[in-house]
Amino acid sequence: MAFPKDFLWGGAVAANQCEGAYNADGKGIDIQDIMPYGIMGAPTEEPTADNLKLTAIDAARAAALGRDTDAEG
């Protein structure tokens, strides 16, 4: 797939996507660590917010589209 040269790319992340896990990289415990399935078992973002494990896959997908990645924005 080719994009026009003047195509403007954008991206964003939320804190719960990129802060990592308290037991993997030193982040403190937060509400998602205590109640990962929300209140009364309601669905949460857990299946999609796993940047700690998915960074390499995300970078490869961006590269396949011809994009460079920059962790600092």
N, C-alpha and C. Protein backbone atom coordinates (compact mmCIF):
# COMPACT_ATOMS: atom_id res chain seq x y z
N MET A 1 0.84 -1.16 0.00
CA MET A 1 0.00 0.00 0.00
C MET A 1 0.90 1.24 0.00
N ALA A 2 0.59 2.16 -0.86
CA ALA A 2 1.38 3.39 -0.93
C ALA A 2 0.53 4.58 -0.49
N PHE A 3 1.15 5.48 0.24
CA PHE A 3 0.48 6.69 0.68
C PHE A 3 1.10 7.88 -0.03
N PRO A 4 0.32 8.92 -0.30
CA PRO A 4 0.88 10.10 -0.93
C PRO A 4 2.00 10.70 -0.09
N LYS A 5 2.96 11.35 -0.75
CA LYS A 5 4.10 11.94 -0.03
C LYS A 5 3.66 12.98 0.98
N ASP A 6 2.54 13.65 0.73
CA ASP A 6 2.08 14.68 1.66
C ASP A 6 1.08 14.15 2.69
N PHE A 7 0.94 12.82 2.79
CA PHE A 7 0.06 12.21 3.78
C PHE A 7 0.59 12.52 5.18
N LEU A 8 -0.26 12.99 6.05
CA LEU A 8 0.15 13.33 7.41
C LEU A 8 -0.20 12.18 8.35
N TRP A 9 0.84 11.63 8.98
CA TRP A 9 0.66 10.54 9.94
C TRP A 9 0.48 11.12 11.33
N GLY A 10 -0.27 10.43 12.14
CA GLY A 10 -0.45 10.83 13.53
C GLY A 10 -0.55 9.59 14.40
N GLY A 11 -0.31 9.77 15.65
CA GLY A 11 -0.42 8.65 16.58
C GLY A 11 -0.54 9.15 18.00
N ALA A 12 -1.02 8.30 18.85
CA ALA A 12 -1.16 8.66 20.26
C ALA A 12 -1.18 7.39 21.10
N VAL A 13 -0.83 7.54 22.34
CA VAL A 13 -0.93 6.43 23.29
C VAL A 13 -1.52 6.97 24.59
N ALA A 14 -2.10 6.09 25.35
CA ALA A 14 -2.59 6.43 26.68
C ALA A 14 -1.61 5.85 27.70
N ALA A 15 -1.61 6.42 28.88
CA ALA A 15 -0.68 5.96 29.92
C ALA A 15 -0.79 4.46 30.17
N ASN A 16 -2.02 3.94 30.19
CA ASN A 16 -2.17 2.52 30.49
C ASN A 16 -1.69 1.62 29.35
N GLN A 17 -1.38 2.19 28.21
CA GLN A 17 -0.82 1.41 27.11
C GLN A 17 0.70 1.30 27.19
N CYS A 18 1.35 2.29 27.75
CA CYS A 18 2.81 2.35 27.62
C CYS A 18 3.59 2.39 28.92
N GLU A 19 2.93 2.46 30.06
CA GLU A 19 3.68 2.54 31.31
C GLU A 19 4.29 1.22 31.74
N GLY A 20 3.80 0.12 31.22
CA GLY A 20 4.35 -1.17 31.58
C GLY A 20 3.68 -1.76 32.81
N ALA A 21 4.24 -2.84 33.28
CA ALA A 21 3.66 -3.56 34.41
C ALA A 21 4.50 -3.37 35.66
N TYR A 22 3.84 -3.31 36.80
CA TYR A 22 4.56 -3.11 38.06
C TYR A 22 5.55 -4.24 38.32
N ASN A 23 5.24 -5.44 37.83
CA ASN A 23 6.10 -6.59 38.11
C ASN A 23 7.10 -6.86 36.98
N ALA A 24 7.19 -5.95 36.01
CA ALA A 24 8.11 -6.18 34.90
C ALA A 24 9.16 -5.07 34.77
N ASP A 25 8.79 -3.85 35.11
CA ASP A 25 9.74 -2.76 34.87
C ASP A 25 9.72 -1.66 35.92
N GLY A 26 9.20 -1.95 37.10
CA GLY A 26 9.30 -1.01 38.20
C GLY A 26 8.17 -0.01 38.36
N LYS A 27 7.15 -0.05 37.53
CA LYS A 27 6.02 0.86 37.69
C LYS A 27 5.27 0.50 38.98
N GLY A 28 4.71 1.47 39.64
CA GLY A 28 3.92 1.21 40.83
C GLY A 28 2.58 0.57 40.48
N ILE A 29 1.94 -0.01 41.47
CA ILE A 29 0.64 -0.65 41.27
C ILE A 29 -0.42 0.43 41.06
N ASP A 30 -1.31 0.19 40.10
CA ASP A 30 -2.44 1.09 39.88
C ASP A 30 -3.73 0.28 39.89
N ILE A 31 -4.85 0.94 39.66
CA ILE A 31 -6.15 0.28 39.75
C ILE A 31 -6.28 -0.86 38.75
N GLN A 32 -5.68 -0.75 37.57
CA GLN A 32 -5.77 -1.83 36.59
C GLN A 32 -5.01 -3.07 37.05
N ASP A 33 -4.00 -2.90 37.89
CA ASP A 33 -3.29 -4.06 38.43
C ASP A 33 -4.12 -4.76 39.50
N ILE A 34 -4.92 -4.01 40.22
CA ILE A 34 -5.73 -4.56 41.30
C ILE A 34 -7.03 -5.14 40.75
N MET A 35 -7.64 -4.45 39.80
CA MET A 35 -8.92 -4.88 39.22
C MET A 35 -8.79 -4.95 37.70
N PRO A 36 -8.04 -5.91 37.15
CA PRO A 36 -7.79 -5.93 35.72
C PRO A 36 -9.03 -6.18 34.87
N TYR A 37 -10.08 -6.71 35.45
CA TYR A 37 -11.30 -6.96 34.68
C TYR A 37 -12.39 -5.97 35.01
N GLY A 38 -12.02 -4.86 35.62
CA GLY A 38 -12.98 -3.81 35.90
C GLY A 38 -13.93 -4.18 37.03
N ILE A 39 -14.95 -3.39 37.16
CA ILE A 39 -15.96 -3.61 38.19
C ILE A 39 -16.95 -4.66 37.70
N MET A 40 -17.17 -5.67 38.50
CA MET A 40 -18.12 -6.75 38.20
C MET A 40 -17.76 -7.49 36.91
N GLY A 41 -16.49 -7.59 36.59
CA GLY A 41 -16.07 -8.36 35.42
C GLY A 41 -16.32 -7.69 34.09
N ALA A 42 -16.56 -6.38 34.10
CA ALA A 42 -16.81 -5.66 32.86
C ALA A 42 -15.58 -5.71 31.96
N PRO A 43 -15.75 -5.67 30.64
CA PRO A 43 -14.60 -5.68 29.73
C PRO A 43 -13.69 -4.47 29.97
N THR A 44 -12.40 -4.66 29.77
CA THR A 44 -11.43 -3.58 29.91
C THR A 44 -10.58 -3.51 28.66
N GLU A 45 -9.60 -2.61 28.68
CA GLU A 45 -8.69 -2.45 27.54
C GLU A 45 -7.56 -3.48 27.56
N GLU A 46 -7.52 -4.37 28.53
CA GLU A 46 -6.39 -5.28 28.71
C GLU A 46 -5.94 -6.00 27.43
N PRO A 47 -6.85 -6.56 26.62
CA PRO A 47 -6.36 -7.28 25.44
C PRO A 47 -5.65 -6.39 24.42
N THR A 48 -5.91 -5.10 24.43
CA THR A 48 -5.33 -4.22 23.42
C THR A 48 -4.24 -3.30 23.96
N ALA A 49 -4.14 -3.15 25.25
CA ALA A 49 -3.18 -2.22 25.83
C ALA A 49 -2.00 -2.98 26.43
N ASP A 50 -1.19 -3.55 25.59
CA ASP A 50 -0.07 -4.35 26.07
C ASP A 50 1.21 -3.93 25.36
N ASN A 51 1.45 -2.63 25.33
CA ASN A 51 2.58 -2.09 24.60
C ASN A 51 3.91 -2.67 25.04
N LEU A 52 4.03 -3.04 26.30
CA LEU A 52 5.27 -3.61 26.82
C LEU A 52 5.67 -4.85 26.02
N LYS A 53 4.68 -5.65 25.63
CA LYS A 53 4.96 -6.88 24.89
C LYS A 53 4.83 -6.71 23.38
N LEU A 54 4.10 -5.70 22.93
CA LEU A 54 3.79 -5.56 21.51
C LEU A 54 4.62 -4.52 20.76
N THR A 55 5.57 -3.88 21.43
CA THR A 55 6.35 -2.82 20.80
C THR A 55 7.04 -3.28 19.52
N ALA A 56 7.68 -4.44 19.55
CA ALA A 56 8.40 -4.93 18.36
C ALA A 56 7.43 -5.20 17.21
N ILE A 57 6.27 -5.75 17.51
CA ILE A 57 5.27 -6.02 16.47
C ILE A 57 4.76 -4.71 15.89
N ASP A 58 4.46 -3.74 16.76
CA ASP A 58 3.98 -2.44 16.28
C ASP A 58 5.02 -1.76 15.40
N ALA A 59 6.29 -1.81 15.79
CA ALA A 59 7.36 -1.20 14.99
C ALA A 59 7.50 -1.89 13.64
N ALA A 60 7.37 -3.20 13.62
CA ALA A 60 7.46 -3.94 12.35
C ALA A 60 6.31 -3.57 11.43
N ARG A 61 5.13 -3.41 11.97
CA ARG A 61 3.97 -3.02 11.15
C ARG A 61 4.16 -1.62 10.58
N ALA A 62 4.69 -0.71 11.40
CA ALA A 62 4.95 0.65 10.91
C ALA A 62 6.01 0.62 9.81
N ALA A 63 7.05 -0.18 10.00
CA ALA A 63 8.11 -0.29 9.00
C ALA A 63 7.57 -0.86 7.69
N ALA A 64 6.64 -1.82 7.79
CA ALA A 64 6.04 -2.41 6.59
C ALA A 64 5.28 -1.36 5.79
N LEU A 65 4.81 -0.32 6.46
CA LEU A 65 4.12 0.78 5.79
C LEU A 65 5.10 1.88 5.35
N GLY A 66 6.40 1.63 5.59
CA GLY A 66 7.40 2.61 5.20
C GLY A 66 7.59 3.73 6.20
N ARG A 67 7.16 3.51 7.44
CA ARG A 67 7.26 4.54 8.46
C ARG A 67 8.37 4.22 9.44
N ASP A 68 9.07 5.25 9.91
CA ASP A 68 10.01 5.11 11.01
C ASP A 68 9.22 5.24 12.31
N THR A 69 9.74 4.67 13.37
CA THR A 69 9.08 4.82 14.66
C THR A 69 9.99 5.60 15.59
N ASP A 70 9.37 6.33 16.49
CA ASP A 70 10.10 7.15 17.45
C ASP A 70 9.38 7.06 18.78
N ALA A 71 9.99 6.40 19.76
CA ALA A 71 9.35 6.19 21.05
C ALA A 71 9.06 7.49 21.79
N GLU A 72 9.75 8.56 21.45
CA GLU A 72 9.54 9.83 22.13
C GLU A 72 8.58 10.74 21.39
N GLY A 73 8.00 10.28 20.31
CA GLY A 73 7.03 11.11 19.60
C GLY A 73 7.63 11.75 18.42
